[in-house]
Amino acid sequence: MSFLLFVVFLRPFQHVKKQNNTIRELEEQLRVAKSAITDETLLAAEERIEEQKLAHKQQLETLLRENSMMTSAWFDITSRLQTNTVTLGRRREEPSSWLGKQRSALTKSMV
């Protein structure tokens, strides 16, 4: 009877031990797989970050160039306005040609 009890209790114990070993092996495989996926994900994320940095740098350079162009355009416009008002404020010389004199006389008579 004791032999029968030994066999009856031994087989389930061996089965449980085998299951525990299988569970440990599968957990280890899962851990290795997760770390591999994490490494691949990390590399992909780093690549995306580098691409975003490059795009950001290009956009910044474009905006700086545009800002510089806008500044020079504003400077050009303001300098033209200033020089135009200065030339308008000067005393005009009397025209020397006959046609110029006629236009001047006509303009004075209309005013």
PDB file of N, CA and C in Angstrom:
ATOM      1  N   MET A   1       0.805  -1.179   0.000  1.00  0.00           N
ATOM      2  CA  MET A   1       0.000   0.000   0.000  1.00  0.00           C
ATOM      3  C   MET A   1       0.863   1.264   0.000  1.00  0.00           C
ATOM      4  N   SER A   2       1.942   1.250   0.716  1.00  0.00           N
ATOM      5  CA  SER A   2       2.802   2.430   0.775  1.00  0.00           C
ATOM      6  C   SER A   2       3.426   2.711  -0.589  1.00  0.00           C
ATOM      7  N   PHE A   3       3.732   1.645  -1.342  1.00  0.00           N
ATOM      8  CA  PHE A   3       4.277   1.848  -2.677  1.00  0.00           C
ATOM      9  C   PHE A   3       3.247   2.536  -3.574  1.00  0.00           C
ATOM     10  N   LEU A   4       2.017   2.087  -3.452  1.00  0.00           N
ATOM     11  CA  LEU A   4       0.949   2.673  -4.233  1.00  0.00           C
ATOM     12  C   LEU A   4       0.771   4.157  -3.879  1.00  0.00           C
ATOM     13  N   LEU A   5       0.822   4.489  -2.599  1.00  0.00           N
ATOM     14  CA  LEU A   5       0.735   5.893  -2.181  1.00  0.00           C
ATOM     15  C   LEU A   5       1.918   6.698  -2.707  1.00  0.00           C
ATOM     16  N   PHE A   6       3.090   6.089  -2.691  1.00  0.00           N
ATOM     17  CA  PHE A   6       4.286   6.766  -3.189  1.00  0.00           C
ATOM     18  C   PHE A   6       4.132   7.107  -4.671  1.00  0.00           C
ATOM     19  N   VAL A   7       3.649   6.161  -5.467  1.00  0.00           N
ATOM     20  CA  VAL A   7       3.477   6.361  -6.900  1.00  0.00           C
ATOM     21  C   VAL A   7       2.376   7.376  -7.162  1.00  0.00           C
ATOM     22  N   VAL A   8       1.308   7.302  -6.394  1.00  0.00           N
ATOM     23  CA  VAL A   8       0.190   8.214  -6.586  1.00  0.00           C
ATOM     24  C   VAL A   8       0.611   9.644  -6.266  1.00  0.00           C
ATOM     25  N   PHE A   9       1.415   9.859  -5.231  1.00  0.00           N
ATOM     26  CA  PHE A   9       1.853  11.209  -4.868  1.00  0.00           C
ATOM     27  C   PHE A   9       3.064  11.673  -5.672  1.00  0.00           C
ATOM     28  N   LEU A  10       3.851  10.735  -6.167  1.00  0.00           N
ATOM     29  CA  LEU A  10       5.057  11.093  -6.904  1.00  0.00           C
ATOM     30  C   LEU A  10       4.730  11.636  -8.279  1.00  0.00           C
ATOM     31  N   ARG A  11       3.833  11.025  -8.985  1.00  0.00           N
ATOM     32  CA  ARG A  11       3.503  11.476 -10.330  1.00  0.00           C
ATOM     33  C   ARG A  11       2.937  12.907 -10.339  1.00  0.00           C
ATOM     34  N   PRO A  12       1.976  13.251  -9.509  1.00  0.00           N
ATOM     35  CA  PRO A  12       1.513  14.641  -9.518  1.00  0.00           C
ATOM     36  C   PRO A  12       2.623  15.606  -9.116  1.00  0.00           C
ATOM     37  N   PHE A  13       3.478  15.248  -8.198  1.00  0.00           N
ATOM     38  CA  PHE A  13       4.574  16.104  -7.781  1.00  0.00           C
ATOM     39  C   PHE A  13       5.527  16.352  -8.954  1.00  0.00           C
ATOM     40  N   GLN A  14       5.852  15.274  -9.695  1.00  0.00           N
ATOM     41  CA  GLN A  14       6.721  15.423 -10.866  1.00  0.00           C
ATOM     42  C   GLN A  14       6.055  16.303 -11.935  1.00  0.00           C
ATOM     43  N   HIS A  15       4.756  16.105 -12.071  1.00  0.00           N
ATOM     44  CA  HIS A  15       4.021  16.902 -13.053  1.00  0.00           C
ATOM     45  C   HIS A  15       4.034  18.390 -12.672  1.00  0.00           C
ATOM     46  N   VAL A  16       3.820  18.695 -11.401  1.00  0.00           N
ATOM     47  CA  VAL A  16       3.844  20.072 -10.922  1.00  0.00           C
ATOM     48  C   VAL A  16       5.242  20.666 -11.104  1.00  0.00           C
ATOM     49  N   LYS A  17       6.257  19.872 -10.802  1.00  0.00           N
ATOM     50  CA  LYS A  17       7.637  20.334 -10.964  1.00  0.00           C
ATOM     51  C   LYS A  17       7.926  20.628 -12.437  1.00  0.00           C
ATOM     52  N   LYS A  18       7.465  19.764 -13.321  1.00  0.00           N
ATOM     53  CA  LYS A  18       7.655  19.956 -14.756  1.00  0.00           C
ATOM     54  C   LYS A  18       6.920  21.217 -15.228  1.00  0.00           C
ATOM     55  N   GLN A  19       5.709  21.425 -14.708  1.00  0.00           N
ATOM     56  CA  GLN A  19       4.947  22.616 -15.062  1.00  0.00           C
ATOM     57  C   GLN A  19       5.652  23.890 -14.578  1.00  0.00           C
ATOM     58  N   ASN A  20       6.192  23.839 -13.372  1.00  0.00           N
ATOM     59  CA  ASN A  20       6.916  24.997 -12.844  1.00  0.00           C
ATOM     60  C   ASN A  20       8.134  25.329 -13.704  1.00  0.00           C
ATOM     61  N   ASN A  21       8.850  24.302 -14.136  1.00  0.00           N
ATOM     62  CA  ASN A  21      10.005  24.511 -15.017  1.00  0.00           C
ATOM     63  C   ASN A  21       9.565  25.134 -16.350  1.00  0.00           C
ATOM     64  N   THR A  22       8.476  24.615 -16.885  1.00  0.00           N
ATOM     65  CA  THR A  22       7.950  25.136 -18.143  1.00  0.00           C
ATOM     66  C   THR A  22       7.527  26.595 -17.978  1.00  0.00           C
ATOM     67  N   ILE A  23       6.879  26.900 -16.870  1.00  0.00           N
ATOM     68  CA  ILE A  23       6.449  28.281 -16.602  1.00  0.00           C
ATOM     69  C   ILE A  23       7.663  29.198 -16.497  1.00  0.00           C
ATOM     70  N   ARG A  24       8.705  28.785 -15.793  1.00  0.00           N
ATOM     71  CA  ARG A  24       9.919  29.591 -15.666  1.00  0.00           C
ATOM     72  C   ARG A  24      10.565  29.841 -17.033  1.00  0.00           C
ATOM     73  N   GLU A  25      10.640  28.790 -17.851  1.00  0.00           N
ATOM     74  CA  GLU A  25      11.239  28.941 -19.183  1.00  0.00           C
ATOM     75  C   GLU A  25      10.425  29.913 -20.044  1.00  0.00           C
ATOM     76  N   LEU A  26       9.124  29.789 -20.003  1.00  0.00           N
ATOM     77  CA  LEU A  26       8.265  30.679 -20.791  1.00  0.00           C
ATOM     78  C   LEU A  26       8.344  32.129 -20.295  1.00  0.00           C
ATOM     79  N   GLU A  27       8.427  32.295 -18.974  1.00  0.00           N
ATOM     80  CA  GLU A  27       8.587  33.647 -18.432  1.00  0.00           C
ATOM     81  C   GLU A  27       9.902  34.268 -18.873  1.00  0.00           C
ATOM     82  N   GLU A  28      10.952  33.460 -18.896  1.00  0.00           N
ATOM     83  CA  GLU A  28      12.258  33.953 -19.347  1.00  0.00           C
ATOM     84  C   GLU A  28      12.204  34.332 -20.832  1.00  0.00           C
ATOM     85  N   GLN A  29      11.563  33.497 -21.634  1.00  0.00           N
ATOM     86  CA  GLN A  29      11.422  33.819 -23.058  1.00  0.00           C
ATOM     87  C   GLN A  29      10.617  35.101 -23.255  1.00  0.00           C
ATOM     88  N   LEU A  30       9.570  35.266 -22.453  1.00  0.00           N
ATOM     89  CA  LEU A  30       8.756  36.470 -22.536  1.00  0.00           C
ATOM     90  C   LEU A  30       9.565  37.711 -22.152  1.00  0.00           C
ATOM     91  N   ARG A  31      10.372  37.597 -21.093  1.00  0.00           N
ATOM     92  CA  ARG A  31      11.207  38.715 -20.671  1.00  0.00           C
ATOM     93  C   ARG A  31      12.206  39.093 -21.755  1.00  0.00           C
ATOM     94  N   VAL A  32      12.825  38.090 -22.382  1.00  0.00           N
ATOM     95  CA  VAL A  32      13.791  38.353 -23.458  1.00  0.00           C
ATOM     96  C   VAL A  32      13.091  38.993 -24.650  1.00  0.00           C
ATOM     97  N   ALA A  33      11.911  38.494 -24.975  1.00  0.00           N
ATOM     98  CA  ALA A  33      11.170  39.056 -26.108  1.00  0.00           C
ATOM     99  C   ALA A  33      10.763  40.498 -25.829  1.00  0.00           C
ATOM    100  N   LYS A  34      10.322  40.771 -24.612  1.00  0.00           N
ATOM    101  CA  LYS A  34       9.939  42.140 -24.263  1.00  0.00           C
ATOM    102  C   LYS A  34      11.128  43.087 -24.328  1.00  0.00           C
ATOM    103  N   SER A  35      12.269  42.627 -23.860  1.00  0.00           N
ATOM    104  CA  SER A  35      13.450  43.497 -23.908  1.00  0.00           C
ATOM    105  C   SER A  35      13.878  43.741 -25.354  1.00  0.00           C
ATOM    106  N   ALA A  36      13.731  42.729 -26.217  1.00  0.00           N
ATOM    107  CA  ALA A  36      14.067  42.921 -27.632  1.00  0.00           C
ATOM    108  C   ALA A  36      13.113  43.910 -28.273  1.00  0.00           C
ATOM    109  N   ILE A  37      11.826  43.788 -27.945  1.00  0.00           N
ATOM    110  CA  ILE A  37      10.841  44.713 -28.485  1.00  0.00           C
ATOM    111  C   ILE A  37      11.101  46.119 -27.957  1.00  0.00           C
ATOM    112  N   THR A  38      11.453  46.220 -26.706  1.00  0.00           N
ATOM    113  CA  THR A  38      11.744  47.519 -26.103  1.00  0.00           C
ATOM    114  C   THR A  38      12.952  48.155 -26.782  1.00  0.00           C
ATOM    115  N   ASP A  39      13.983  47.359 -27.062  1.00  0.00           N
ATOM    116  CA  ASP A  39      15.168  47.880 -27.745  1.00  0.00           C
ATOM    117  C   ASP A  39      14.809  48.375 -29.142  1.00  0.00           C
ATOM    118  N   GLU A  40      14.010  47.586 -29.869  1.00  0.00           N
ATOM    119  CA  GLU A  40      13.604  47.995 -31.217  1.00  0.00           C
ATOM    120  C   GLU A  40      12.739  49.252 -31.157  1.00  0.00           C
ATOM    121  N   THR A  41      11.837  49.299 -30.202  1.00  0.00           N
ATOM    122  CA  THR A  41      10.981  50.463 -30.041  1.00  0.00           C
ATOM    123  C   THR A  41      11.810  51.687 -29.683  1.00  0.00           C
ATOM    124  N   LEU A  42      12.789  51.495 -28.822  1.00  0.00           N
ATOM    125  CA  LEU A  42      13.657  52.592 -28.422  1.00  0.00           C
ATOM    126  C   LEU A  42      14.447  53.121 -29.618  1.00  0.00           C
ATOM    127  N   LEU A  43      14.978  52.223 -30.433  1.00  0.00           N
ATOM    128  CA  LEU A  43      15.724  52.645 -31.619  1.00  0.00           C
ATOM    129  C   LEU A  43      14.814  53.390 -32.592  1.00  0.00           C
ATOM    130  N   ALA A  44      13.606  52.875 -32.783  1.00  0.00           N
ATOM    131  CA  ALA A  44      12.671  53.544 -33.686  1.00  0.00           C
ATOM    132  C   ALA A  44      12.302  54.921 -33.145  1.00  0.00           C
ATOM    133  N   ALA A  45      12.110  55.029 -31.843  1.00  0.00           N
ATOM    134  CA  ALA A  45      11.773  56.321 -31.236  1.00  0.00           C
ATOM    135  C   ALA A  45      12.938  57.298 -31.388  1.00  0.00           C
ATOM    136  N   GLU A  46      14.154  56.815 -31.212  1.00  0.00           N
ATOM    137  CA  GLU A  46      15.325  57.679 -31.377  1.00  0.00           C
ATOM    138  C   GLU A  46      15.434  58.174 -32.814  1.00  0.00           C
ATOM    139  N   GLU A  47      15.152  57.296 -33.773  1.00  0.00           N
ATOM    140  CA  GLU A  47      15.186  57.700 -35.181  1.00  0.00           C
ATOM    141  C   GLU A  47      14.128  58.759 -35.461  1.00  0.00           C
ATOM    142  N   ARG A  48      12.923  58.573 -34.916  1.00  0.00           N
ATOM    143  CA  ARG A  48      11.866  59.556 -35.108  1.00  0.00           C
ATOM    144  C   ARG A  48      12.250  60.889 -34.488  1.00  0.00           C
ATOM    145  N   ILE A  49      12.877  60.848 -33.326  1.00  0.00           N
ATOM    146  CA  ILE A  49      13.307  62.076 -32.667  1.00  0.00           C
ATOM    147  C   ILE A  49      14.351  62.794 -33.520  1.00  0.00           C
ATOM    148  N   GLU A  50      15.292  62.055 -34.071  1.00  0.00           N
ATOM    149  CA  GLU A  50      16.312  62.665 -34.930  1.00  0.00           C
ATOM    150  C   GLU A  50      15.682  63.291 -36.170  1.00  0.00           C
ATOM    151  N   GLU A  51      14.703  62.596 -36.761  1.00  0.00           N
ATOM    152  CA  GLU A  51      14.014  63.146 -37.929  1.00  0.00           C
ATOM    153  C   GLU A  51      13.270  64.420 -37.558  1.00  0.00           C
ATOM    154  N   GLN A  52      12.633  64.433 -36.400  1.00  0.00           N
ATOM    155  CA  GLN A  52      11.909  65.620 -35.951  1.00  0.00           C
ATOM    156  C   GLN A  52      12.869  66.771 -35.670  1.00  0.00           C
ATOM    157  N   LYS A  53      14.034  66.454 -35.097  1.00  0.00           N
ATOM    158  CA  LYS A  53      15.032  67.494 -34.845  1.00  0.00           C
ATOM    159  C   LYS A  53      15.500  68.112 -36.158  1.00  0.00           C
ATOM    160  N   LEU A  54      15.743  67.259 -37.159  1.00  0.00           N
ATOM    161  CA  LEU A  54      16.187  67.753 -38.455  1.00  0.00           C
ATOM    162  C   LEU A  54      15.106  68.619 -39.097  1.00  0.00           C
ATOM    163  N   ALA A  55      13.856  68.166 -39.046  1.00  0.00           N
ATOM    164  CA  ALA A  55      12.755  68.954 -39.608  1.00  0.00           C
ATOM    165  C   ALA A  55      12.608  70.276 -38.871  1.00  0.00           C
ATOM    166  N   HIS A  56      12.757  70.251 -37.550  1.00  0.00           N
ATOM    167  CA  HIS A  56      12.659  71.474 -36.749  1.00  0.00           C
ATOM    168  C   HIS A  56      13.791  72.441 -37.113  1.00  0.00           C
ATOM    169  N   LYS A  57      14.979  71.906 -37.285  1.00  0.00           N
ATOM    170  CA  LYS A  57      16.122  72.749 -37.641  1.00  0.00           C
ATOM    171  C   LYS A  57      15.911  73.394 -39.008  1.00  0.00           C
ATOM    172  N   GLN A  58      15.415  72.617 -39.977  1.00  0.00           N
ATOM    173  CA  GLN A  58      15.157  73.171 -41.299  1.00  0.00           C
ATOM    174  C   GLN A  58      14.067  74.240 -41.250  1.00  0.00           C
ATOM    175  N   GLN A  59      13.029  73.982 -40.469  1.00  0.00           N
ATOM    176  CA  GLN A  59      11.955  74.962 -40.341  1.00  0.00           C
ATOM    177  C   GLN A  59      12.467  76.235 -39.683  1.00  0.00           C
ATOM    178  N   LEU A  60      13.321  76.097 -38.682  1.00  0.00           N
ATOM    179  CA  LEU A  60      13.895  77.259 -38.010  1.00  0.00           C
ATOM    180  C   LEU A  60      14.749  78.076 -38.970  1.00  0.00           C
ATOM    181  N   GLU A  61      15.563  77.398 -39.784  1.00  0.00           N
ATOM    182  CA  GLU A  61      16.385  78.102 -40.765  1.00  0.00           C
ATOM    183  C   GLU A  61      15.513  78.840 -41.775  1.00  0.00           C
ATOM    184  N   THR A  62      14.433  78.200 -42.204  1.00  0.00           N
ATOM    185  CA  THR A  62      13.513  78.840 -43.145  1.00  0.00           C
ATOM    186  C   THR A  62      12.874  80.071 -42.525  1.00  0.00           C
ATOM    187  N   LEU A  63      12.448  79.954 -41.273  1.00  0.00           N
ATOM    188  CA  LEU A  63      11.825  81.085 -40.600  1.00  0.00           C
ATOM    189  C   LEU A  63      12.819  82.216 -40.369  1.00  0.00           C
ATOM    190  N   LEU A  64      14.051  81.871 -40.028  1.00  0.00           N
ATOM    191  CA  LEU A  64      15.071  82.914 -39.848  1.00  0.00           C
ATOM    192  C   LEU A  64      15.343  83.643 -41.164  1.00  0.00           C
ATOM    193  N   ARG A  65      15.415  82.891 -42.257  1.00  0.00           N
ATOM    194  CA  ARG A  65      15.635  83.504 -43.565  1.00  0.00           C
ATOM    195  C   ARG A  65      14.445  84.405 -43.931  1.00  0.00           C
ATOM    196  N   GLU A  66      13.233  83.917 -43.672  1.00  0.00           N
ATOM    197  CA  GLU A  66      12.044  84.709 -43.961  1.00  0.00           C
ATOM    198  C   GLU A  66      12.019  85.978 -43.106  1.00  0.00           C
ATOM    199  N   ASN A  67      12.381  85.845 -41.848  1.00  0.00           N
ATOM    200  CA  ASN A  67      12.429  87.005 -40.954  1.00  0.00           C
ATOM    201  C   ASN A  67      13.442  88.028 -41.466  1.00  0.00           C
ATOM    202  N   SER A  68      14.585  87.552 -41.897  1.00  0.00           N
ATOM    203  CA  SER A  68      15.612  88.446 -42.423  1.00  0.00           C
ATOM    204  C   SER A  68      15.111  89.162 -43.681  1.00  0.00           C
ATOM    205  N   MET A  69      14.431  88.432 -44.543  1.00  0.00           N
ATOM    206  CA  MET A  69      13.902  89.040 -45.758  1.00  0.00           C
ATOM    207  C   MET A  69      12.822  90.082 -45.437  1.00  0.00           C
ATOM    208  N   MET A  70      11.968  89.766 -44.465  1.00  0.00           N
ATOM    209  CA  MET A  70      10.924  90.709 -44.074  1.00  0.00           C
ATOM    210  C   MET A  70      11.547  91.972 -43.475  1.00  0.00           C
ATOM    211  N   THR A  71      12.572  91.806 -42.673  1.00  0.00           N
ATOM    212  CA  THR A  71      13.244  92.954 -42.068  1.00  0.00           C
ATOM    213  C   THR A  71      13.860  93.837 -43.138  1.00  0.00           C
ATOM    214  N   SER A  72      14.535  93.215 -44.103  1.00  0.00           N
ATOM    215  CA  SER A  72      15.149  94.018 -45.162  1.00  0.00           C
ATOM    216  C   SER A  72      14.079  94.683 -46.026  1.00  0.00           C
ATOM    217  N   ALA A  73      12.945  94.010 -46.227  1.00  0.00           N
ATOM    218  CA  ALA A  73      11.865  94.620 -47.010  1.00  0.00           C
ATOM    219  C   ALA A  73      11.292  95.831 -46.271  1.00  0.00           C
ATOM    220  N   TRP A  74      11.085  95.705 -44.964  1.00  0.00           N
ATOM    221  CA  TRP A  74      10.577  96.835 -44.173  1.00  0.00           C
ATOM    222  C   TRP A  74      11.574  97.993 -44.200  1.00  0.00           C
ATOM    223  N   PHE A  75      12.843  97.671 -44.074  1.00  0.00           N
ATOM    224  CA  PHE A  75      13.864  98.713 -44.122  1.00  0.00           C
ATOM    225  C   PHE A  75      13.840  99.417 -45.470  1.00  0.00           C
ATOM    226  N   ASP A  76      13.719  98.647 -46.537  1.00  0.00           N
ATOM    227  CA  ASP A  76      13.689  99.202 -47.886  1.00  0.00           C
ATOM    228  C   ASP A  76      12.466 100.103 -48.068  1.00  0.00           C
ATOM    229  N   ILE A  77      11.313  99.623 -47.613  1.00  0.00           N
ATOM    230  CA  ILE A  77      10.081 100.420 -47.754  1.00  0.00           C
ATOM    231  C   ILE A  77      10.182 101.727 -46.968  1.00  0.00           C
ATOM    232  N   THR A  78      10.647 101.628 -45.716  1.00  0.00           N
ATOM    233  CA  THR A  78      10.736 102.857 -44.911  1.00  0.00           C
ATOM    234  C   THR A  78      11.762 103.822 -45.479  1.00  0.00           C
ATOM    235  N   SER A  79      12.869 103.322 -45.980  1.00  0.00           N
ATOM    236  CA  SER A  79      13.867 104.230 -46.551  1.00  0.00           C
ATOM    237  C   SER A  79      13.323 104.880 -47.821  1.00  0.00           C
ATOM    238  N   ARG A  80      12.550 104.137 -48.609  1.00  0.00           N
ATOM    239  CA  ARG A  80      11.948 104.735 -49.812  1.00  0.00           C
ATOM    240  C   ARG A  80      10.938 105.806 -49.428  1.00  0.00           C
ATOM    241  N   LEU A  81      10.136 105.523 -48.423  1.00  0.00           N
ATOM    242  CA  LEU A  81       9.159 106.526 -47.987  1.00  0.00           C
ATOM    243  C   LEU A  81       9.847 107.783 -47.490  1.00  0.00           C
ATOM    244  N   GLN A  82      10.925 107.608 -46.740  1.00  0.00           N
ATOM    245  CA  GLN A  82      11.637 108.769 -46.207  1.00  0.00           C
ATOM    246  C   GLN A  82      12.275 109.578 -47.324  1.00  0.00           C
ATOM    247  N   THR A  83      12.871 108.888 -48.280  1.00  0.00           N
ATOM    248  CA  THR A  83      13.515 109.628 -49.368  1.00  0.00           C
ATOM    249  C   THR A  83      12.478 110.266 -50.272  1.00  0.00           C
ATOM    250  N   ASN A  84      11.330 109.652 -50.455  1.00  0.00           N
ATOM    251  CA  ASN A  84      10.291 110.254 -51.286  1.00  0.00           C
ATOM    252  C   ASN A  84       9.738 111.506 -50.640  1.00  0.00           C
ATOM    253  N   THR A  85       9.563 111.497 -49.330  1.00  0.00           N
ATOM    254  CA  THR A  85       9.052 112.704 -48.676  1.00  0.00           C
ATOM    255  C   THR A  85      10.094 113.811 -48.696  1.00  0.00           C
ATOM    256  N   VAL A  86      11.353 113.433 -48.637  1.00  0.00           N
ATOM    257  CA  VAL A  86      12.400 114.456 -48.666  1.00  0.00           C
ATOM    258  C   VAL A  86      12.449 115.106 -50.041  1.00  0.00           C
ATOM    259  N   THR A  87      12.335 114.311 -51.083  1.00  0.00           N
ATOM    260  CA  THR A  87      12.384 114.896 -52.433  1.00  0.00           C
ATOM    261  C   THR A  87      11.146 115.729 -52.704  1.00  0.00           C
ATOM    262  N   LEU A  88      10.005 115.330 -52.126  1.00  0.00           N
ATOM    263  CA  LEU A  88       8.800 116.126 -52.332  1.00  0.00           C
ATOM    264  C   LEU A  88       8.898 117.455 -51.580  1.00  0.00           C
ATOM    265  N   GLY A  89       9.635 117.494 -50.499  1.00  0.00           N
ATOM    266  CA  GLY A  89       9.744 118.709 -49.704  1.00  0.00           C
ATOM    267  C   GLY A  89      10.724 119.716 -50.279  1.00  0.00           C
ATOM    268  N   ARG A  90      11.524 119.315 -51.206  1.00  0.00           N
ATOM    269  CA  ARG A  90      12.493 120.237 -51.797  1.00  0.00           C
ATOM    270  C   ARG A  90      11.807 121.233 -52.737  1.00  0.00           C
ATOM    271  N   ARG A  91      12.488 122.362 -52.924  1.00  0.00           N
ATOM    272  CA  ARG A  91      11.973 123.344 -53.877  1.00  0.00           C
ATOM    273  C   ARG A  91      12.294 122.879 -55.283  1.00  0.00           C
ATOM    274  N   ARG A  92      11.280 122.906 -56.085  1.00  0.00           N
ATOM    275  CA  ARG A  92      11.470 122.446 -57.467  1.00  0.00           C
ATOM    276  C   ARG A  92      12.041 123.576 -58.315  1.00  0.00           C
ATOM    277  N   GLU A  93      12.892 123.183 -59.207  1.00  0.00           N
ATOM    278  CA  GLU A  93      13.453 124.178 -60.127  1.00  0.00           C
ATOM    279  C   GLU A  93      12.432 124.505 -61.201  1.00  0.00           C
ATOM    280  N   GLU A  94      12.523 125.722 -61.701  1.00  0.00           N
ATOM    281  CA  GLU A  94      11.628 126.121 -62.793  1.00  0.00           C
ATOM    282  C   GLU A  94      12.018 125.364 -64.052  1.00  0.00           C
ATOM    283  N   PRO A  95      11.017 124.902 -64.799  1.00  0.00           N
ATOM    284  CA  PRO A  95      11.351 124.174 -66.021  1.00  0.00           C
ATOM    285  C   PRO A  95      12.057 125.094 -67.037  1.00  0.00           C
ATOM    286  N   SER A  96      12.966 124.476 -67.763  1.00  0.00           N
ATOM    287  CA  SER A  96      13.727 125.274 -68.728  1.00  0.00           C
ATOM    288  C   SER A  96      13.171 125.133 -70.140  1.00  0.00           C
ATOM    289  N   SER A  97      12.433 124.095 -70.442  1.00  0.00           N
ATOM    290  CA  SER A  97      11.900 123.929 -71.794  1.00  0.00           C
ATOM    291  C   SER A  97      10.593 124.716 -71.953  1.00  0.00           C
ATOM    292  N   TRP A  98      10.224 125.009 -73.213  1.00  0.00           N
ATOM    293  CA  TRP A  98       9.007 125.760 -73.491  1.00  0.00           C
ATOM    294  C   TRP A  98       7.785 124.993 -72.997  1.00  0.00           C
ATOM    295  N   LEU A  99       7.756 123.664 -73.240  1.00  0.00           N
ATOM    296  CA  LEU A  99       6.611 122.848 -72.832  1.00  0.00           C
ATOM    297  C   LEU A  99       6.492 122.816 -71.311  1.00  0.00           C
ATOM    298  N   GLY A 100       7.618 122.717 -70.612  1.00  0.00           N
ATOM    299  CA  GLY A 100       7.609 122.719 -69.157  1.00  0.00           C
ATOM    300  C   GLY A 100       7.077 124.025 -68.601  1.00  0.00           C
ATOM    301  N   LYS A 101       7.461 125.155 -69.252  1.00  0.00           N
ATOM    302  CA  LYS A 101       6.986 126.461 -68.812  1.00  0.00           C
ATOM    303  C   LYS A 101       5.483 126.582 -69.017  1.00  0.00           C
ATOM    304  N   GLN A 102       4.977 126.061 -70.125  1.00  0.00           N
ATOM    305  CA  GLN A 102       3.554 126.102 -70.392  1.00  0.00           C
ATOM    306  C   GLN A 102       2.769 125.292 -69.372  1.00  0.00           C
ATOM    307  N   ARG A 103       3.266 124.107 -69.032  1.00  0.00           N
ATOM    308  CA  ARG A 103       2.608 123.259 -68.033  1.00  0.00           C
ATOM    309  C   ARG A 103       2.596 123.947 -66.686  1.00  0.00           C
ATOM    310  N   SER A 104       3.705 124.565 -66.334  1.00  0.00           N
ATOM    311  CA  SER A 104       3.806 125.267 -65.061  1.00  0.00           C
ATOM    312  C   SER A 104       2.809 126.419 -65.002  1.00  0.00           C
ATOM    313  N   ALA A 105       2.693 127.184 -66.109  1.00  0.00           N
ATOM    314  CA  ALA A 105       1.763 128.314 -66.143  1.00  0.00           C
ATOM    315  C   ALA A 105       0.323 127.804 -66.053  1.00  0.00           C
ATOM    316  N   LEU A 106       0.019 126.726 -66.727  1.00  0.00           N
ATOM    317  CA  LEU A 106      -1.322 126.162 -66.705  1.00  0.00           C
ATOM    318  C   LEU A 106      -1.674 125.658 -65.314  1.00  0.00           C
ATOM    319  N   THR A 107      -0.761 125.014 -64.631  1.00  0.00           N
ATOM    320  CA  THR A 107      -0.989 124.500 -63.299  1.00  0.00           C
ATOM    321  C   THR A 107      -1.222 125.635 -62.314  1.00  0.00           C
ATOM    322  N   LYS A 108      -0.460 126.711 -62.455  1.00  0.00           N
ATOM    323  CA  LYS A 108      -0.608 127.856 -61.552  1.00  0.00           C
ATOM    324  C   LYS A 108      -1.952 128.547 -61.776  1.00  0.00           C
ATOM    325  N   SER A 109      -2.404 128.615 -63.023  1.00  0.00           N
ATOM    326  CA  SER A 109      -3.671 129.267 -63.290  1.00  0.00           C
ATOM    327  C   SER A 109      -4.865 128.446 -62.833  1.00  0.00           C
ATOM    328  N   MET A 110      -4.722 127.128 -62.729  1.00  0.00           N
ATOM    329  CA  MET A 110      -5.808 126.269 -62.287  1.00  0.00           C
ATOM    330  C   MET A 110      -5.957 126.283 -60.774  1.00  0.00           C
ATOM    331  N   VAL A 111      -4.926 126.579 -60.106  1.00  0.00           N
ATOM    332  CA  VAL A 111      -4.959 126.550 -58.651  1.00  0.00           C
ATOM    333  C   VAL A 111      -5.469 127.798 -58.101  1.00  0.00           C
TER     334      VAL A 111
END
